C-alpha atoms as a PDB file:
ATOM      1  CA  MET A   1     173.397 114.104 120.354  1.00  0.00           C
ATOM      2  CA  SER A   2     174.707 114.994 123.809  1.00  0.00           C
ATOM      3  CA  THR A   3     172.817 115.833 126.948  1.00  0.00           C
ATOM      4  CA  ALA A   4     173.631 118.570 129.434  1.00  0.00           C
ATOM      5  CA  MET A   5     175.231 117.504 132.709  1.00  0.00           C
ATOM      6  CA  LEU A   6     173.979 119.398 135.755  1.00  0.00           C
ATOM      7  CA  ARG A   7     175.687 119.328 139.148  1.00  0.00           C
ATOM      8  CA  LYS A   8     173.699 121.040 141.899  1.00  0.00           C
ATOM      9  CA  ILE A   9     174.212 121.545 145.643  1.00  0.00           C
ATOM     10  CA  HIS A  10     171.849 123.368 147.999  1.00  0.00           C
ATOM     11  CA  ILE A  11     173.392 125.291 150.932  1.00  0.00           C
ATOM     12  CA  ASN A  12     171.915 127.967 153.260  1.00  0.00           C
ATOM     13  CA  GLY A  13     168.916 128.344 150.942  1.00  0.00           C
ATOM     14  CA  TYR A  14     171.059 128.984 147.836  1.00  0.00           C
ATOM     15  CA  ASP A  15     171.670 126.742 144.830  1.00  0.00           C
ATOM     16  CA  VAL A  16     175.293 126.118 143.821  1.00  0.00           C
ATOM     17  CA  LEU A  17     175.342 124.628 140.328  1.00  0.00           C
ATOM     18  CA  SER A  18     177.467 123.899 137.295  1.00  0.00           C
ATOM     19  CA  VAL A  19     176.348 122.896 133.804  1.00  0.00           C
ATOM     20  CA  ASN A  20     178.657 120.946 131.455  1.00  0.00           C
ATOM     21  CA  SER A  21     181.786 121.616 133.552  1.00  0.00           C
ATOM     22  CA  GLY A  22     181.254 125.355 133.200  1.00  0.00           C
ATOM     23  CA  PRO A  23     181.683 127.938 135.946  1.00  0.00           C
ATOM     24  CA  TRP A  24     180.039 127.276 139.304  1.00  0.00           C
ATOM     25  CA  ARG A  25     177.144 129.650 139.971  1.00  0.00           C
ATOM     26  CA  VAL A  26     175.480 130.677 143.209  1.00  0.00           C
ATOM     27  CA  CYS A  27     171.786 131.412 142.616  1.00  0.00           C
ATOM     28  CA  THR A  28     168.430 131.998 144.207  1.00  0.00           C
ATOM     29  CA  GLN A  29     165.262 131.053 142.389  1.00  0.00           C
ATOM     30  CA  ALA A  30     165.154 134.512 140.767  1.00  0.00           C
ATOM     31  CA  ASP A  31     168.753 135.799 140.692  1.00  0.00           C
ATOM     32  CA  ARG A  32     172.299 134.690 139.915  1.00  0.00           C
ATOM     33  CA  LEU A  33     174.528 136.075 142.663  1.00  0.00           C
ATOM     34  CA  GLY A  34     177.953 135.087 141.390  1.00  0.00           C
ATOM     35  CA  ALA A  35     180.046 132.813 139.164  1.00  0.00           C
ATOM     36  CA  PHE A  36     183.247 131.083 140.300  1.00  0.00           C
ATOM     37  CA  ALA A  37     185.993 128.982 138.722  1.00  0.00           C
ATOM     38  CA  SER A  38     185.918 126.256 141.380  1.00  0.00           C
ATOM     39  CA  ARG A  39     183.286 124.489 143.416  1.00  0.00           C
ATOM     40  CA  GLU A  40     185.103 125.309 146.666  1.00  0.00           C
ATOM     41  CA  GLU A  41     184.989 129.070 145.947  1.00  0.00           C
ATOM     42  CA  ALA A  42     181.260 128.919 145.169  1.00  0.00           C
ATOM     43  CA  LEU A  43     180.497 126.891 148.313  1.00  0.00           C
ATOM     44  CA  ALA A  44     182.529 129.286 150.479  1.00  0.00           C
ATOM     45  CA  TYR A  45     180.633 132.251 149.029  1.00  0.00           C
ATOM     46  CA  ALA A  46     177.242 130.590 149.596  1.00  0.00           C
ATOM     47  CA  ALA A  47     178.212 129.634 153.144  1.00  0.00           C
ATOM     48  CA  ALA A  48     179.218 133.246 153.895  1.00  0.00           C
ATOM     49  CA  LEU A  49     175.835 134.622 152.793  1.00  0.00           C
ATOM     50  CA  PRO A  50     173.041 134.982 155.378  1.00  0.00           C
ATOM     51  CA  ALA A  51     170.651 132.032 155.494  1.00  0.00           C
ATOM     52  CA  ARG A  52     167.820 132.491 153.007  1.00  0.00           C
ATOM     53  CA  LYS A  53     164.226 131.527 153.754  1.00  0.00           C
ATOM     54  CA  ASN A  54     161.397 130.944 151.294  1.00  0.00           C
ATOM     55  CA  ARG A  55     158.742 133.625 151.361  1.00  0.00           C
ATOM     56  CA  SER A  56     156.078 131.526 149.618  1.00  0.00           C
ATOM     57  CA  GLY A  57     155.081 129.728 152.825  1.00  0.00           C
ATOM     58  CA  ALA A  58     154.504 132.841 154.946  1.00  0.00           C
ATOM     59  CA  THR A  59     152.241 132.103 157.865  1.00  0.00           C
ATOM     60  CA  ALA A  60     150.080 134.578 159.722  1.00  0.00           C
ATOM     61  CA  ASN A  61     149.549 134.578 163.468  1.00  0.00           C
ATOM     62  CA  VAL A  62     145.980 133.418 163.912  1.00  0.00           C
ATOM     63  CA  LYS A  63     144.325 133.387 167.321  1.00  0.00           C
END
């Protein structure tokens, strides 16, 4: 029985990951934005995207 190998990098608020030496994917928590043959291509794509911020921790201005 074999186990899956996950390689994951986080850049600019995006996850860049590969499972079992498959294609590198650039993802958010909800969407897959692209798949690439090399890690360098995926990292360049993620670095070119605008920085992403989590919306779950939205704060209100309270006086």
